[in-house]
Amino acid sequence: MEVIPEMLSKIGYTPLVYGRINKKLKTSYSNAEIETLIYDIVQHIKEDEVEQIGKNYYLSSSKHKIRITINSYTFRVITVDRLKTS
Protein backbone atom coordinates (compact mmCIF):
# COMPACT_ATOMS: atom_id res chain seq x y z
CA MET A 1 0.00 0.00 0.00
CA GLU A 2 1.89 3.04 -1.27
CA VAL A 3 -0.69 5.55 -0.09
CA ILE A 4 1.49 7.66 2.21
CA PRO A 5 3.15 9.85 -0.50
CA GLU A 6 -0.25 10.63 -2.04
CA MET A 7 -1.72 11.27 1.40
CA LEU A 8 1.05 13.75 2.23
CA SER A 9 0.48 15.71 -0.97
CA LYS A 10 -3.33 15.80 -0.68
CA ILE A 11 -4.06 15.88 3.07
CA GLY A 12 -6.77 18.40 3.96
CA TYR A 13 -8.78 19.70 6.88
CA THR A 14 -12.31 20.98 7.42
CA PRO A 15 -12.80 23.99 9.69
CA LEU A 16 -14.51 21.85 12.34
CA VAL A 17 -11.80 19.20 12.56
CA TYR A 18 -9.34 21.47 14.39
CA GLY A 19 -11.72 21.83 17.34
CA ARG A 20 -12.50 18.12 17.28
CA ILE A 21 -8.79 17.23 17.41
CA ASN A 22 -8.11 19.62 20.29
CA LYS A 23 -11.12 18.25 22.18
CA LYS A 24 -10.14 14.61 21.68
CA LEU A 25 -6.47 15.19 22.56
CA LYS A 26 -7.31 17.63 25.37
CA THR A 27 -4.99 20.25 23.84
CA SER A 28 -5.28 23.82 22.60
CA TYR A 29 -3.07 23.66 19.51
CA SER A 30 -3.43 26.27 16.77
CA ASN A 31 -4.56 25.13 13.32
CA ALA A 32 -0.96 25.35 12.08
CA GLU A 33 0.31 23.28 15.02
CA ILE A 34 -2.29 20.59 14.32
CA GLU A 35 -1.36 20.50 10.63
CA THR A 36 2.34 20.23 11.49
CA LEU A 37 1.69 17.45 14.02
CA ILE A 38 -0.44 15.44 11.59
CA TYR A 39 2.00 15.94 8.70
CA ASP A 40 4.98 14.87 10.83
CA ILE A 41 3.18 11.75 12.01
CA VAL A 42 2.03 10.77 8.51
CA GLN A 43 5.51 11.45 7.12
CA HIS A 44 7.11 9.02 9.58
CA ILE A 45 4.36 6.38 9.69
CA LYS A 46 5.20 2.88 8.51
CA GLU A 47 3.04 1.18 5.91
CA ASP A 48 2.12 -1.55 8.43
CA GLU A 49 0.65 1.16 10.70
CA VAL A 50 -1.90 2.10 8.01
CA GLU A 51 -5.16 0.17 7.81
CA GLN A 52 -7.97 0.80 5.35
CA ILE A 53 -11.43 -0.07 6.55
CA GLY A 54 -14.24 0.96 4.24
CA LYS A 55 -13.79 4.56 3.13
CA ASN A 56 -11.24 5.49 5.81
CA TYR A 57 -7.56 5.05 6.50
CA TYR A 58 -6.53 4.55 10.11
CA LEU A 59 -2.95 5.51 10.93
CA SER A 60 -1.77 4.30 14.32
CA SER A 61 1.33 5.94 15.74
CA SER A 62 2.66 4.05 18.73
CA LYS A 63 5.31 6.75 19.20
CA HIS A 64 2.70 9.52 19.59
CA LYS A 65 0.05 7.14 21.02
CA ILE A 66 -2.64 8.42 18.66
CA ARG A 67 -4.68 7.11 15.75
CA ILE A 68 -5.52 9.43 12.85
CA THR A 69 -8.61 8.77 10.74
CA ILE A 70 -8.38 10.04 7.15
CA ASN A 71 -10.99 9.75 4.39
CA SER A 72 -9.57 7.54 1.63
CA TYR A 73 -11.29 9.46 -1.19
CA THR A 74 -10.62 13.09 -0.21
CA PHE A 75 -7.64 12.62 2.16
CA ARG A 76 -9.34 14.89 4.67
CA VAL A 77 -8.53 14.33 8.31
CA ILE A 78 -11.69 13.19 10.10
CA THR A 79 -10.47 12.84 13.67
CA VAL A 80 -7.63 11.84 15.96
CA ASP A 81 -7.99 9.50 18.92
CA ARG A 82 -5.63 8.66 21.76
CA LEU A 83 -4.50 5.04 21.73
CA LYS A 84 -5.11 3.21 24.96
CA THR A 85 -1.96 2.20 26.78
CA SER A 86 -1.87 -1.11 28.54
PDB file of N, CA and C in Angstrom:
ATOM      1  N   MET A   1       0.858  -1.178   0.000  1.00  0.00           N
ATOM      2  CA  MET A   1       0.000   0.000   0.000  1.00  0.00           C
ATOM      3  C   MET A   1       0.902   1.238   0.000  1.00  0.00           C
ATOM      4  N   GLU A   2       1.051   1.846  -1.143  1.00  0.00           N
ATOM      5  CA  GLU A   2       1.887   3.045  -1.271  1.00  0.00           C
ATOM      6  C   GLU A   2       1.018   4.293  -1.230  1.00  0.00           C
ATOM      7  N   VAL A   3       0.250   4.440  -0.179  1.00  0.00           N
ATOM      8  CA  VAL A   3      -0.691   5.548  -0.088  1.00  0.00           C
ATOM      9  C   VAL A   3      -0.092   6.762   0.628  1.00  0.00           C
ATOM     10  N   ILE A   4       0.954   6.580   1.383  1.00  0.00           N
ATOM     11  CA  ILE A   4       1.488   7.664   2.207  1.00  0.00           C
ATOM     12  C   ILE A   4       1.976   8.858   1.369  1.00  0.00           C
ATOM     13  N   PRO A   5       2.746   8.678   0.290  1.00  0.00           N
ATOM     14  CA  PRO A   5       3.148   9.851  -0.498  1.00  0.00           C
ATOM     15  C   PRO A   5       1.957  10.650  -1.052  1.00  0.00           C
ATOM     16  N   GLU A   6       0.943   9.948  -1.542  1.00  0.00           N
ATOM     17  CA  GLU A   6      -0.253  10.632  -2.041  1.00  0.00           C
ATOM     18  C   GLU A   6      -0.981  11.341  -0.908  1.00  0.00           C
ATOM     19  N   MET A   7      -1.060  10.683   0.232  1.00  0.00           N
ATOM     20  CA  MET A   7      -1.718  11.265   1.402  1.00  0.00           C
ATOM     21  C   MET A   7      -1.027  12.573   1.817  1.00  0.00           C
ATOM     22  N   LEU A   8       0.298  12.557   1.833  1.00  0.00           N
ATOM     23  CA  LEU A   8       1.054  13.747   2.230  1.00  0.00           C
ATOM     24  C   LEU A   8       0.812  14.913   1.276  1.00  0.00           C
ATOM     25  N   SER A   9       0.658  14.627   0.000  1.00  0.00           N
ATOM     26  CA  SER A   9       0.475  15.715  -0.974  1.00  0.00           C
ATOM     27  C   SER A   9      -0.963  16.221  -1.022  1.00  0.00           C
ATOM     28  N   LYS A  10      -1.925  15.424  -0.548  1.00  0.00           N
ATOM     29  CA  LYS A  10      -3.335  15.800  -0.682  1.00  0.00           C
ATOM     30  C   LYS A  10      -4.061  16.014   0.645  1.00  0.00           C
ATOM     31  N   ILE A  11      -3.397  15.815   1.770  1.00  0.00           N
ATOM     32  CA  ILE A  11      -4.058  15.881   3.067  1.00  0.00           C
ATOM     33  C   ILE A  11      -4.755  17.229   3.251  1.00  0.00           C
ATOM     34  N   GLY A  12      -5.985  17.181   3.782  1.00  0.00           N
ATOM     35  CA  GLY A  12      -6.767  18.397   3.962  1.00  0.00           C
ATOM     36  C   GLY A  12      -7.535  18.368   5.272  1.00  0.00           C
ATOM     37  N   TYR A  13      -8.093  19.525   5.603  1.00  0.00           N
ATOM     38  CA  TYR A  13      -8.783  19.700   6.881  1.00  0.00           C
ATOM     39  C   TYR A  13     -10.057  20.490   6.658  1.00  0.00           C
ATOM     40  N   THR A  14     -11.097  20.162   7.404  1.00  0.00           N
ATOM     41  CA  THR A  14     -12.305  20.977   7.416  1.00  0.00           C
ATOM     42  C   THR A  14     -12.188  21.938   8.593  1.00  0.00           C
ATOM     43  N   PRO A  15     -12.898  23.052   8.567  1.00  0.00           N
ATOM     44  CA  PRO A  15     -12.802  23.995   9.687  1.00  0.00           C
ATOM     45  C   PRO A  15     -13.152  23.379  11.045  1.00  0.00           C
ATOM     46  N   LEU A  16     -14.081  22.442  11.071  1.00  0.00           N
ATOM     47  CA  LEU A  16     -14.513  21.851  12.339  1.00  0.00           C
ATOM     48  C   LEU A  16     -13.528  20.835  12.921  1.00  0.00           C
ATOM     49  N   VAL A  17     -12.671  20.271  12.082  1.00  0.00           N
ATOM     50  CA  VAL A  17     -11.800  19.199  12.556  1.00  0.00           C
ATOM     51  C   VAL A  17     -10.761  19.695  13.560  1.00  0.00           C
ATOM     52  N   TYR A  18     -10.336  20.944  13.455  1.00  0.00           N
ATOM     53  CA  TYR A  18      -9.338  21.465  14.393  1.00  0.00           C
ATOM     54  C   TYR A  18      -9.869  21.421  15.833  1.00  0.00           C
ATOM     55  N   GLY A  19     -11.099  21.876  16.015  1.00  0.00           N
ATOM     56  CA  GLY A  19     -11.722  21.834  17.339  1.00  0.00           C
ATOM     57  C   GLY A  19     -11.917  20.408  17.824  1.00  0.00           C
ATOM     58  N   ARG A  20     -12.297  19.524  16.918  1.00  0.00           N
ATOM     59  CA  ARG A  20     -12.502  18.116  17.275  1.00  0.00           C
ATOM     60  C   ARG A  20     -11.193  17.488  17.746  1.00  0.00           C
ATOM     61  N   ILE A  21     -10.098  17.787  17.042  1.00  0.00           N
ATOM     62  CA  ILE A  21      -8.794  17.228  17.412  1.00  0.00           C
ATOM     63  C   ILE A  21      -8.360  17.753  18.772  1.00  0.00           C
ATOM     64  N   ASN A  22      -8.477  19.058  18.994  1.00  0.00           N
ATOM     65  CA  ASN A  22      -8.112  19.618  20.294  1.00  0.00           C
ATOM     66  C   ASN A  22      -8.948  19.024  21.416  1.00  0.00           C
ATOM     67  N   LYS A  23     -10.233  18.826  21.162  1.00  0.00           N
ATOM     68  CA  LYS A  23     -11.118  18.250  22.183  1.00  0.00           C
ATOM     69  C   LYS A  23     -10.712  16.812  22.505  1.00  0.00           C
ATOM     70  N   LYS A  24     -10.483  16.020  21.465  1.00  0.00           N
ATOM     71  CA  LYS A  24     -10.138  14.609  21.683  1.00  0.00           C
ATOM     72  C   LYS A  24      -8.775  14.437  22.338  1.00  0.00           C
ATOM     73  N   LEU A  25      -7.811  15.305  21.988  1.00  0.00           N
ATOM     74  CA  LEU A  25      -6.468  15.186  22.556  1.00  0.00           C
ATOM     75  C   LEU A  25      -6.299  15.996  23.837  1.00  0.00           C
ATOM     76  N   LYS A  26      -7.358  16.754  24.191  1.00  0.00           N
ATOM     77  CA  LYS A  26      -7.308  17.628  25.366  1.00  0.00           C
ATOM     78  C   LYS A  26      -6.133  18.607  25.272  1.00  0.00           C
ATOM     79  N   THR A  27      -6.044  19.286  24.105  1.00  0.00           N
ATOM     80  CA  THR A  27      -4.987  20.250  23.839  1.00  0.00           C
ATOM     81  C   THR A  27      -5.621  21.558  23.372  1.00  0.00           C
ATOM     82  N   SER A  28      -4.797  22.551  23.161  1.00  0.00           N
ATOM     83  CA  SER A  28      -5.276  23.817  22.597  1.00  0.00           C
ATOM     84  C   SER A  28      -4.313  24.281  21.509  1.00  0.00           C
ATOM     85  N   TYR A  29      -3.980  23.358  20.610  1.00  0.00           N
ATOM     86  CA  TYR A  29      -3.074  23.662  19.506  1.00  0.00           C
ATOM     87  C   TYR A  29      -3.738  24.611  18.511  1.00  0.00           C
ATOM     88  N   SER A  30      -2.931  25.432  17.866  1.00  0.00           N
ATOM     89  CA  SER A  30      -3.427  26.267  16.767  1.00  0.00           C
ATOM     90  C   SER A  30      -3.638  25.369  15.549  1.00  0.00           C
ATOM     91  N   ASN A  31      -4.340  25.901  14.542  1.00  0.00           N
ATOM     92  CA  ASN A  31      -4.558  25.128  13.321  1.00  0.00           C
ATOM     93  C   ASN A  31      -3.229  24.726  12.694  1.00  0.00           C
ATOM     94  N   ALA A  32      -2.275  25.644  12.669  1.00  0.00           N
ATOM     95  CA  ALA A  32      -0.963  25.354  12.079  1.00  0.00           C
ATOM     96  C   ALA A  32      -0.232  24.271  12.870  1.00  0.00           C
ATOM     97  N   GLU A  33      -0.337  24.305  14.191  1.00  0.00           N
ATOM     98  CA  GLU A  33       0.314  23.284  15.017  1.00  0.00           C
ATOM     99  C   GLU A  33      -0.301  21.914  14.773  1.00  0.00           C
ATOM    100  N   ILE A  34      -1.615  21.859  14.615  1.00  0.00           N
ATOM    101  CA  ILE A  34      -2.293  20.591  14.323  1.00  0.00           C
ATOM    102  C   ILE A  34      -1.830  20.059  12.971  1.00  0.00           C
ATOM    103  N   GLU A  35      -1.789  20.932  11.969  1.00  0.00           N
ATOM    104  CA  GLU A  35      -1.359  20.502  10.635  1.00  0.00           C
ATOM    105  C   GLU A  35       0.078  20.002  10.649  1.00  0.00           C
ATOM    106  N   THR A  36       0.943  20.667  11.381  1.00  0.00           N
ATOM    107  CA  THR A  36       2.339  20.234  11.491  1.00  0.00           C
ATOM    108  C   THR A  36       2.430  18.890  12.186  1.00  0.00           C
ATOM    109  N   LEU A  37       1.696  18.711  13.286  1.00  0.00           N
ATOM    110  CA  LEU A  37       1.693  17.447  14.024  1.00  0.00           C
ATOM    111  C   LEU A  37       1.239  16.303  13.129  1.00  0.00           C
ATOM    112  N   ILE A  38       0.107  16.484  12.454  1.00  0.00           N
ATOM    113  CA  ILE A  38      -0.435  15.437  11.590  1.00  0.00           C
ATOM    114  C   ILE A  38       0.541  15.117  10.456  1.00  0.00           C
ATOM    115  N   TYR A  39       1.072  16.148   9.811  1.00  0.00           N
ATOM    116  CA  TYR A  39       2.001  15.945   8.698  1.00  0.00           C
ATOM    117  C   TYR A  39       3.234  15.165   9.155  1.00  0.00           C
ATOM    118  N   ASP A  40       3.791  15.559  10.305  1.00  0.00           N
ATOM    119  CA  ASP A  40       4.981  14.871  10.826  1.00  0.00           C
ATOM    120  C   ASP A  40       4.693  13.404  11.133  1.00  0.00           C
ATOM    121  N   ILE A  41       3.536  13.135  11.694  1.00  0.00           N
ATOM    122  CA  ILE A  41       3.177  11.748  12.009  1.00  0.00           C
ATOM    123  C   ILE A  41       3.010  10.948  10.729  1.00  0.00           C
ATOM    124  N   VAL A  42       2.261  11.485   9.768  1.00  0.00           N
ATOM    125  CA  VAL A  42       2.035  10.769   8.506  1.00  0.00           C
ATOM    126  C   VAL A  42       3.356  10.548   7.777  1.00  0.00           C
ATOM    127  N   GLN A  43       4.220  11.539   7.815  1.00  0.00           N
ATOM    128  CA  GLN A  43       5.507  11.451   7.122  1.00  0.00           C
ATOM    129  C   GLN A  43       6.370  10.308   7.677  1.00  0.00           C
ATOM    130  N   HIS A  44       6.256  10.027   8.957  1.00  0.00           N
ATOM    131  CA  HIS A  44       7.107   9.017   9.583  1.00  0.00           C
ATOM    132  C   HIS A  44       6.382   7.701   9.875  1.00  0.00           C
ATOM    133  N   ILE A  45       5.131   7.601   9.425  1.00  0.00           N
ATOM    134  CA  ILE A  45       4.362   6.376   9.695  1.00  0.00           C
ATOM    135  C   ILE A  45       4.867   5.249   8.789  1.00  0.00           C
ATOM    136  N   LYS A  46       4.818   4.050   9.300  1.00  0.00           N
ATOM    137  CA  LYS A  46       5.204   2.876   8.506  1.00  0.00           C
ATOM    138  C   LYS A  46       3.960   2.329   7.824  1.00  0.00           C
ATOM    139  N   GLU A  47       4.168   1.715   6.670  1.00  0.00           N
ATOM    140  CA  GLU A  47       3.036   1.177   5.911  1.00  0.00           C
ATOM    141  C   GLU A  47       2.215   0.182   6.736  1.00  0.00           C
ATOM    142  N   ASP A  48       2.869  -0.572   7.629  1.00  0.00           N
ATOM    143  CA  ASP A  48       2.120  -1.553   8.427  1.00  0.00           C
ATOM    144  C   ASP A  48       1.315  -0.896   9.549  1.00  0.00           C
ATOM    145  N   GLU A  49       1.442   0.425   9.711  1.00  0.00           N
ATOM    146  CA  GLU A  49       0.648   1.159  10.697  1.00  0.00           C
ATOM    147  C   GLU A  49      -0.565   1.827  10.046  1.00  0.00           C
ATOM    148  N   VAL A  50      -0.771   1.549   8.746  1.00  0.00           N
ATOM    149  CA  VAL A  50      -1.904   2.098   8.005  1.00  0.00           C
ATOM    150  C   VAL A  50      -2.871   0.959   7.713  1.00  0.00           C
ATOM    151  N   GLU A  51      -4.130   1.169   8.062  1.00  0.00           N
ATOM    152  CA  GLU A  51      -5.161   0.167   7.810  1.00  0.00           C
ATOM    153  C   GLU A  51      -6.322   0.851   7.108  1.00  0.00           C
ATOM    154  N   GLN A  52      -6.796   0.255   6.025  1.00  0.00           N
ATOM    155  CA  GLN A  52      -7.969   0.800   5.346  1.00  0.00           C
ATOM    156  C   GLN A  52      -9.163  -0.063   5.690  1.00  0.00           C
ATOM    157  N   ILE A  53     -10.169   0.594   6.248  1.00  0.00           N
ATOM    158  CA  ILE A  53     -11.432  -0.072   6.554  1.00  0.00           C
ATOM    159  C   ILE A  53     -12.523   0.777   5.918  1.00  0.00           C
ATOM    160  N   GLY A  54     -13.207   0.205   4.934  1.00  0.00           N
ATOM    161  CA  GLY A  54     -14.243   0.961   4.237  1.00  0.00           C
ATOM    162  C   GLY A  54     -13.649   2.178   3.552  1.00  0.00           C
ATOM    163  N   LYS A  55     -14.236   3.338   3.816  1.00  0.00           N
ATOM    164  CA  LYS A  55     -13.793   4.557   3.134  1.00  0.00           C
ATOM    165  C   LYS A  55     -12.720   5.321   3.906  1.00  0.00           C
ATOM    166  N   ASN A  56     -12.219   4.768   4.989  1.00  0.00           N
ATOM    167  CA  ASN A  56     -11.244   5.486   5.807  1.00  0.00           C
ATOM    168  C   ASN A  56      -9.917   4.754   5.952  1.00  0.00           C
ATOM    169  N   TYR A  57      -8.867   5.552   6.096  1.00  0.00           N
ATOM    170  CA  TYR A  57      -7.564   5.048   6.505  1.00  0.00           C
ATOM    171  C   TYR A  57      -7.401   5.332   7.987  1.00  0.00           C
ATOM    172  N   TYR A  58      -6.823   4.386   8.695  1.00  0.00           N
ATOM    173  CA  TYR A  58      -6.526   4.549  10.111  1.00  0.00           C
ATOM    174  C   TYR A  58      -5.017   4.409  10.272  1.00  0.00           C
ATOM    175  N   LEU A  59      -4.393   5.476  10.742  1.00  0.00           N
ATOM    176  CA  LEU A  59      -2.946   5.508  10.925  1.00  0.00           C
ATOM    177  C   LEU A  59      -2.665   5.495  12.421  1.00  0.00           C
ATOM    178  N   SER A  60      -2.045   4.436  12.898  1.00  0.00           N
ATOM    179  CA  SER A  60      -1.774   4.298  14.324  1.00  0.00           C
ATOM    180  C   SER A  60      -0.307   4.557  14.595  1.00  0.00           C
ATOM    181  N   SER A  61      -0.041   5.591  15.381  1.00  0.00           N
ATOM    182  CA  SER A  61       1.329   5.941  15.740  1.00  0.00           C
ATOM    183  C   SER A  61       1.582   5.543  17.189  1.00  0.00           C
ATOM    184  N   SER A  62       2.337   4.472  17.365  1.00  0.00           N
ATOM    185  CA  SER A  62       2.657   4.052  18.730  1.00  0.00           C
ATOM    186  C   SER A  62       3.575   5.064  19.414  1.00  0.00           C
ATOM    187  N   LYS A  63       4.398   5.737  18.637  1.00  0.00           N
ATOM    188  CA  LYS A  63       5.306   6.745  19.196  1.00  0.00           C
ATOM    189  C   LYS A  63       4.523   7.907  19.815  1.00  0.00           C
ATOM    190  N   HIS A  64       3.497   8.391  19.103  1.00  0.00           N
ATOM    191  CA  HIS A  64       2.695   9.516  19.591  1.00  0.00           C
ATOM    192  C   HIS A  64       1.461   9.056  20.360  1.00  0.00           C
ATOM    193  N   LYS A  65       1.198   7.750  20.344  1.00  0.00           N
ATOM    194  CA  LYS A  65       0.053   7.144  21.019  1.00  0.00           C
ATOM    195  C   LYS A  65      -1.285   7.734  20.556  1.00  0.00           C
ATOM    196  N   ILE A  66      -1.386   7.949  19.230  1.00  0.00           N
ATOM    197  CA  ILE A  66      -2.638   8.417  18.661  1.00  0.00           C
ATOM    198  C   ILE A  66      -2.949   7.670  17.373  1.00  0.00           C
ATOM    199  N   ARG A  67      -4.230   7.682  17.013  1.00  0.00           N
ATOM    200  CA  ARG A  67      -4.683   7.113  15.746  1.00  0.00           C
ATOM    201  C   ARG A  67      -5.369   8.224  14.967  1.00  0.00           C
ATOM    202  N   ILE A  68      -4.955   8.406  13.726  1.00  0.00           N
ATOM    203  CA  ILE A  68      -5.515   9.429  12.853  1.00  0.00           C
ATOM    204  C   ILE A  68      -6.454   8.741  11.869  1.00  0.00           C
ATOM    205  N   THR A  69      -7.650   9.291  11.710  1.00  0.00           N
ATOM    206  CA  THR A  69      -8.606   8.775  10.742  1.00  0.00           C
ATOM    207  C   THR A  69      -8.657   9.745   9.569  1.00  0.00           C
ATOM    208  N   ILE A  70      -8.417   9.225   8.359  1.00  0.00           N
ATOM    209  CA  ILE A  70      -8.377  10.041   7.149  1.00  0.00           C
ATOM    210  C   ILE A  70      -9.276   9.407   6.101  1.00  0.00           C
ATOM    211  N   ASN A  71     -10.116  10.220   5.456  1.00  0.00           N
ATOM    212  CA  ASN A  71     -10.989   9.748   4.393  1.00  0.00           C
ATOM    213  C   ASN A  71     -10.139   9.293   3.211  1.00  0.00           C
ATOM    214  N   SER A  72     -10.402   8.107   2.701  1.00  0.00           N
ATOM    215  CA  SER A  72      -9.572   7.538   1.630  1.00  0.00           C
ATOM    216  C   SER A  72      -9.844   8.147   0.252  1.00  0.00           C
ATOM    217  N   TYR A  73     -10.967   8.851   0.097  1.00  0.00           N
ATOM    218  CA  TYR A  73     -11.287   9.463  -1.194  1.00  0.00           C
ATOM    219  C   TYR A  73     -10.769  10.901  -1.276  1.00  0.00           C
ATOM    220  N   THR A  74     -10.961  11.669  -0.197  1.00  0.00           N
ATOM    221  CA  THR A  74     -10.616  13.093  -0.209  1.00  0.00           C
ATOM    222  C   THR A  74      -9.316  13.402   0.525  1.00  0.00           C
ATOM    223  N   PHE A  75      -8.825  12.445   1.314  1.00  0.00           N
ATOM    224  CA  PHE A  75      -7.637  12.619   2.161  1.00  0.00           C
ATOM    225  C   PHE A  75      -7.827  13.730   3.191  1.00  0.00           C
ATOM    226  N   ARG A  76      -9.064  13.945   3.593  1.00  0.00           N
ATOM    227  CA  ARG A  76      -9.340  14.894   4.668  1.00  0.00           C
ATOM    228  C   ARG A  76      -9.240  14.177   6.002  1.00  0.00           C
ATOM    229  N   VAL A  77      -8.626  14.866   6.962  1.00  0.00           N
ATOM    230  CA  VAL A  77      -8.530  14.325   8.313  1.00  0.00           C
ATOM    231  C   VAL A  77      -9.927  14.379   8.931  1.00  0.00           C
ATOM    232  N   ILE A  78     -10.362  13.266   9.489  1.00  0.00           N
ATOM    233  CA  ILE A  78     -11.687  13.191  10.102  1.00  0.00           C
ATOM    234  C   ILE A  78     -11.579  13.402  11.605  1.00  0.00           C
ATOM    235  N   THR A  79     -10.658  12.699  12.230  1.00  0.00           N
ATOM    236  CA  THR A  79     -10.468  12.838  13.672  1.00  0.00           C
ATOM    237  C   THR A  79      -9.145  12.228  14.088  1.00  0.00           C
ATOM    238  N   VAL A  80      -8.822  12.429  15.339  1.00  0.00           N
ATOM    239  CA  VAL A  80      -7.626  11.844  15.961  1.00  0.00           C
ATOM    240  C   VAL A  80      -8.058  11.307  17.317  1.00  0.00           C
ATOM    241  N   ASP A  81      -7.654  10.108  17.635  1.00  0.00           N
ATOM    242  CA  ASP A  81      -7.991   9.499  18.921  1.00  0.00           C
ATOM    243  C   ASP A  81      -6.716   9.083  19.644  1.00  0.00           C
ATOM    244  N   ARG A  82      -6.731   9.176  20.958  1.00  0.00           N
ATOM    245  CA  ARG A  82      -5.630   8.660  21.764  1.00  0.00           C
ATOM    246  C   ARG A  82      -5.700   7.131  21.765  1.00  0.00           C
ATOM    247  N   LEU A  83      -4.550   6.487  21.620  1.00  0.00           N
ATOM    248  CA  LEU A  83      -4.499   5.043  21.733  1.00  0.00           C
ATOM    249  C   LEU A  83      -4.423   4.677  23.204  1.00  0.00           C
ATOM    250  N   LYS A  84      -5.132   3.654  23.566  1.00  0.00           N
ATOM    251  CA  LYS A  84      -5.112   3.213  24.958  1.00  0.00           C
ATOM    252  C   LYS A  84      -3.796   2.525  25.246  1.00  0.00           C
ATOM    253  N   THR A  85      -3.208   2.861  26.370  1.00  0.00           N
ATOM    254  CA  THR A  85      -1.958   2.204  26.780  1.00  0.00           C
ATOM    255  C   THR A  85      -2.300   1.103  27.758  1.00  0.00           C
ATOM    256  N   SER A  86      -1.552   0.026  27.666  1.00  0.00           N
ATOM    257  CA  SER A  86      -1.865  -1.114  28.542  1.00  0.00           C
ATOM    258  C   SER A  86      -1.021  -1.141  29.769  1.00  0.00           C
TER     259      SER A  86
END
